[in-house]
Amino acid sequence: MASVQPIEIPNELTDESTLNIPREELRGAAKKEAFFREKEEKFTPFSFKRPDDVPEGRRAHVRLCKGSLVRGTVQILPSGGDTNVHCHPDADGFWFVIKGQVEWKNVDGETIGVFGPGEGIMVPRYARYSFNQTGDEELHLLQVVASANDGSKRRVGIGQQNKSLFKTLHYNYPGEPDGVAGEKARAKEAAKKAG
């Protein structure tokens, strides 16, 4: 097998003087290097820890990261937790079980598969599905989606919708207070607008 040779970056692209040149004045290789350096400043390390304040029986979404096309979230579903039949017109995605067990169903309610830790499913854009937590253990489900960013809706419910499922607690969402505190803040703001 051939060994991979490291890419050599010419000195004129990496010295301090290049970093101080206004972007609009850069040309050729220097402009390309500046573009890559700007993107590389956006590496986003993350980790997952279940929030301590998720009440018993409540579902939660913990955002891990979000880029221009891809976002990662861990969904926490309590015992018996499920979703409505829905689809995502804007994204392909995959779901991967970290902890617990999930049953995946198609639009007709037929089981596609039951997945445990280390297993998952890829769901194409527009595919209709639902899933539910099974077994005795709380479900931690990694969701990674790549969005089309074409103006499509993020989520479309199919048929009868259980509104209680929309009371999901959110964590690490930019501009939103986390968890129960965020829920209370949003309720207070809604009451203020209504009255």
Protein backbone atom coordinates (compact mmCIF):
# COMPACT_ATOMS: atom_id res chain seq x y z
CA MET A 1 0.00 0.00 0.00
CA ALA A 2 1.34 3.45 -0.92
CA SER A 3 2.13 5.80 1.92
CA VAL A 4 0.42 9.17 2.05
CA GLN A 5 2.82 12.07 1.67
CA PRO A 6 2.19 15.16 3.78
CA ILE A 7 1.10 18.23 1.85
CA GLU A 8 3.75 20.91 1.89
CA ILE A 9 2.44 24.44 2.21
CA PRO A 10 4.76 27.03 0.67
CA ASN A 11 6.29 29.39 3.23
CA GLU A 12 4.71 32.42 1.59
CA LEU A 13 1.29 31.02 2.52
CA THR A 14 1.96 30.33 6.17
CA ASP A 15 4.06 33.22 7.42
CA GLU A 16 2.63 35.99 9.57
CA SER A 17 2.66 38.53 6.75
CA THR A 18 0.11 36.51 4.75
CA LEU A 19 -2.23 36.34 7.73
CA ASN A 20 -2.30 40.14 7.89
CA ILE A 21 -3.15 40.74 4.23
CA PRO A 22 -6.82 41.74 3.79
CA ARG A 23 -8.74 38.85 2.23
CA GLU A 24 -9.80 40.89 -0.82
CA GLU A 25 -6.13 41.51 -1.68
CA LEU A 26 -5.15 37.84 -1.61
CA ARG A 27 -4.67 36.10 -4.95
CA GLY A 28 -4.12 32.55 -6.20
CA ALA A 29 -2.65 30.06 -3.74
CA ALA A 30 -2.62 32.61 -0.90
CA LYS A 31 -6.36 33.21 -1.33
CA LYS A 32 -7.03 29.47 -1.38
CA GLU A 33 -4.94 28.95 1.76
CA ALA A 34 -6.75 31.81 3.55
CA PHE A 35 -10.09 30.20 2.65
CA PHE A 36 -9.05 26.85 4.15
CA ARG A 37 -7.59 28.47 7.28
CA GLU A 38 -10.85 30.35 7.87
CA LYS A 39 -12.84 27.10 7.66
CA GLU A 40 -10.37 25.27 9.91
CA GLU A 41 -11.02 27.83 12.66
CA LYS A 42 -14.54 26.37 12.86
CA PHE A 43 -13.62 22.85 14.03
CA THR A 44 -16.18 22.06 16.74
CA PRO A 45 -15.23 19.51 19.40
CA PHE A 46 -18.21 18.18 21.38
CA SER A 47 -19.20 15.60 23.96
CA PHE A 48 -22.45 14.20 25.30
CA LYS A 49 -23.59 13.99 28.88
CA ARG A 50 -27.24 13.44 29.78
CA PRO A 51 -28.54 16.68 31.37
CA ASP A 52 -29.29 16.22 35.06
CA ASP A 53 -32.53 18.21 34.95
CA VAL A 54 -34.53 16.13 32.43
CA PRO A 55 -37.68 15.24 34.41
CA GLU A 56 -38.85 11.64 34.59
CA GLY A 57 -40.93 10.72 31.56
CA ARG A 58 -39.84 13.72 29.43
CA ARG A 59 -38.01 13.60 26.13
CA ALA A 60 -35.07 15.84 25.32
CA HIS A 61 -32.82 16.82 22.43
CA VAL A 62 -29.20 17.65 23.20
CA ARG A 63 -27.52 19.45 20.30
CA LEU A 64 -23.94 18.32 19.87
CA CYS A 65 -22.90 20.46 16.91
CA LYS A 66 -24.16 22.24 13.82
CA GLY A 67 -22.34 23.10 10.61
CA SER A 68 -23.52 24.62 7.36
CA LEU A 69 -24.93 21.25 6.16
CA VAL A 70 -24.72 18.76 9.03
CA ARG A 71 -26.06 18.79 12.56
CA GLY A 72 -25.78 16.24 15.34
CA THR A 73 -28.23 15.76 18.20
CA VAL A 74 -28.79 13.12 20.85
CA GLN A 75 -32.46 12.40 21.40
CA ILE A 76 -33.37 11.10 24.85
CA LEU A 77 -36.61 9.13 25.01
CA PRO A 78 -38.01 7.82 28.29
CA SER A 79 -39.58 4.40 28.70
CA GLY A 80 -42.50 4.18 26.26
CA GLY A 81 -41.40 7.31 24.38
CA ASP A 82 -42.24 7.52 20.71
CA THR A 83 -42.63 9.86 17.73
CA ASN A 84 -45.46 10.67 15.37
CA VAL A 85 -45.27 9.47 11.77
CA HIS A 86 -43.35 12.21 9.97
CA CYS A 87 -40.75 12.96 7.32
CA HIS A 88 -37.92 15.42 6.79
CA PRO A 89 -38.20 17.10 3.38
CA ASP A 90 -34.94 18.98 3.93
CA ALA A 91 -32.56 16.23 5.03
CA ASP A 92 -31.10 12.77 4.76
CA GLY A 93 -30.16 11.46 8.17
CA PHE A 94 -29.04 8.55 10.22
CA TRP A 95 -29.97 7.49 13.72
CA PHE A 96 -27.57 5.44 15.83
CA VAL A 97 -28.39 3.87 19.19
CA ILE A 98 -25.98 4.84 21.97
CA LYS A 99 -28.02 3.36 24.82
CA GLY A 100 -31.32 1.50 25.00
CA GLN A 101 -33.38 0.06 22.17
CA VAL A 102 -35.56 1.55 19.42
CA GLU A 103 -38.19 0.08 17.12
CA TRP A 104 -38.37 1.77 13.69
CA LYS A 105 -41.60 1.67 11.66
CA ASN A 106 -42.66 2.70 8.17
CA VAL A 107 -45.72 4.82 7.35
CA ASP A 108 -47.93 1.69 7.42
CA GLY A 109 -46.85 0.85 10.97
CA GLU A 110 -44.80 -2.15 9.88
CA THR A 111 -41.58 -2.72 11.79
CA ILE A 112 -38.47 -2.02 9.71
CA GLY A 113 -36.12 -3.04 12.49
CA VAL A 114 -35.36 -3.08 16.19
CA PHE A 115 -31.95 -1.59 16.99
CA GLY A 116 -29.77 -1.68 20.08
CA PRO A 117 -26.43 -0.08 21.00
CA GLY A 118 -24.07 0.13 18.06
CA GLU A 119 -26.89 -0.23 15.51
CA GLY A 120 -28.99 2.25 13.57
CA ILE A 121 -30.71 3.22 10.37
CA MET A 122 -30.23 5.68 7.50
CA VAL A 123 -33.40 7.53 6.50
CA PRO A 124 -33.56 9.23 3.10
CA ARG A 125 -35.07 12.66 2.59
CA TYR A 126 -38.92 12.49 2.35
CA ALA A 127 -39.13 8.93 3.77
CA ARG A 128 -42.06 8.64 6.23
CA TYR A 129 -41.40 6.85 9.51
CA SER A 130 -41.90 6.72 13.25
CA PHE A 131 -39.96 5.15 16.07
CA ASN A 132 -40.48 4.22 19.69
CA GLN A 133 -38.34 3.34 22.66
CA THR A 134 -38.56 -0.33 23.61
CA GLY A 135 -37.08 -2.30 26.46
CA ASP A 136 -36.40 -1.22 30.03
CA GLU A 137 -33.65 1.33 29.46
CA GLU A 138 -33.99 5.01 28.52
CA LEU A 139 -33.11 5.52 24.83
CA HIS A 140 -30.17 7.72 23.77
CA LEU A 141 -30.36 8.05 19.99
CA LEU A 142 -27.70 9.92 18.00
CA GLN A 143 -29.28 11.78 15.08
CA VAL A 144 -27.01 13.13 12.33
CA VAL A 145 -28.68 14.93 9.44
CA ALA A 146 -27.39 16.66 6.34
CA SER A 147 -29.74 19.46 5.29
CA ALA A 148 -30.44 20.53 1.73
CA ASN A 149 -30.78 24.18 2.85
CA ASP A 150 -33.22 24.73 -0.01
CA GLY A 151 -36.09 26.21 1.98
CA SER A 152 -37.85 22.86 2.54
CA LYS A 153 -39.60 22.29 5.84
CA ARG A 154 -37.46 20.56 8.47
CA ARG A 155 -40.23 18.24 9.68
CA VAL A 156 -43.68 17.38 8.34
CA GLY A 157 -46.14 15.40 10.44
CA ILE A 158 -48.17 12.72 8.64
CA GLY A 159 -51.73 12.07 9.83
CA GLN A 160 -52.88 12.39 13.44
CA GLN A 161 -50.26 14.17 15.59
CA ASN A 162 -49.81 13.68 19.33
CA LYS A 163 -49.14 17.25 20.52
CA SER A 164 -47.58 16.09 23.80
CA LEU A 165 -44.58 14.93 21.77
CA PHE A 166 -43.84 18.54 20.87
CA LYS A 167 -43.00 19.28 24.51
CA THR A 168 -39.41 18.23 23.99
CA LEU A 169 -36.77 19.89 26.16
CA HIS A 170 -33.88 21.41 24.21
CA TYR A 171 -30.26 21.72 25.35
CA ASN A 172 -27.35 23.56 23.68
CA TYR A 173 -29.55 25.30 21.10
CA PRO A 174 -28.08 28.74 20.32
CA GLY A 175 -30.18 31.58 21.71
CA GLU A 176 -32.39 29.32 23.83
CA PRO A 177 -32.16 28.70 27.58
CA ASP A 178 -31.63 25.00 28.32
CA GLY A 179 -34.15 22.43 29.48
CA VAL A 180 -36.89 23.20 31.99
CA ALA A 181 -35.62 26.78 32.49
CA GLY A 182 -35.96 27.36 28.75
CA GLU A 183 -39.44 25.90 28.73
CA LYS A 184 -40.49 28.24 31.56
CA ALA A 185 -38.93 31.25 29.81
CA ARG A 186 -40.79 30.46 26.56
CA ALA A 187 -44.11 30.02 28.45
CA LYS A 188 -43.58 33.35 30.22
CA GLU A 189 -42.83 35.08 26.90
CA ALA A 190 -45.93 33.54 25.27
CA ALA A 191 -48.13 34.68 28.19
CA LYS A 192 -46.67 38.17 27.92
CA LYS A 193 -47.50 38.33 24.18
CA ALA A 194 -51.02 36.99 24.78
CA GLY A 195 -51.91 39.30 27.49
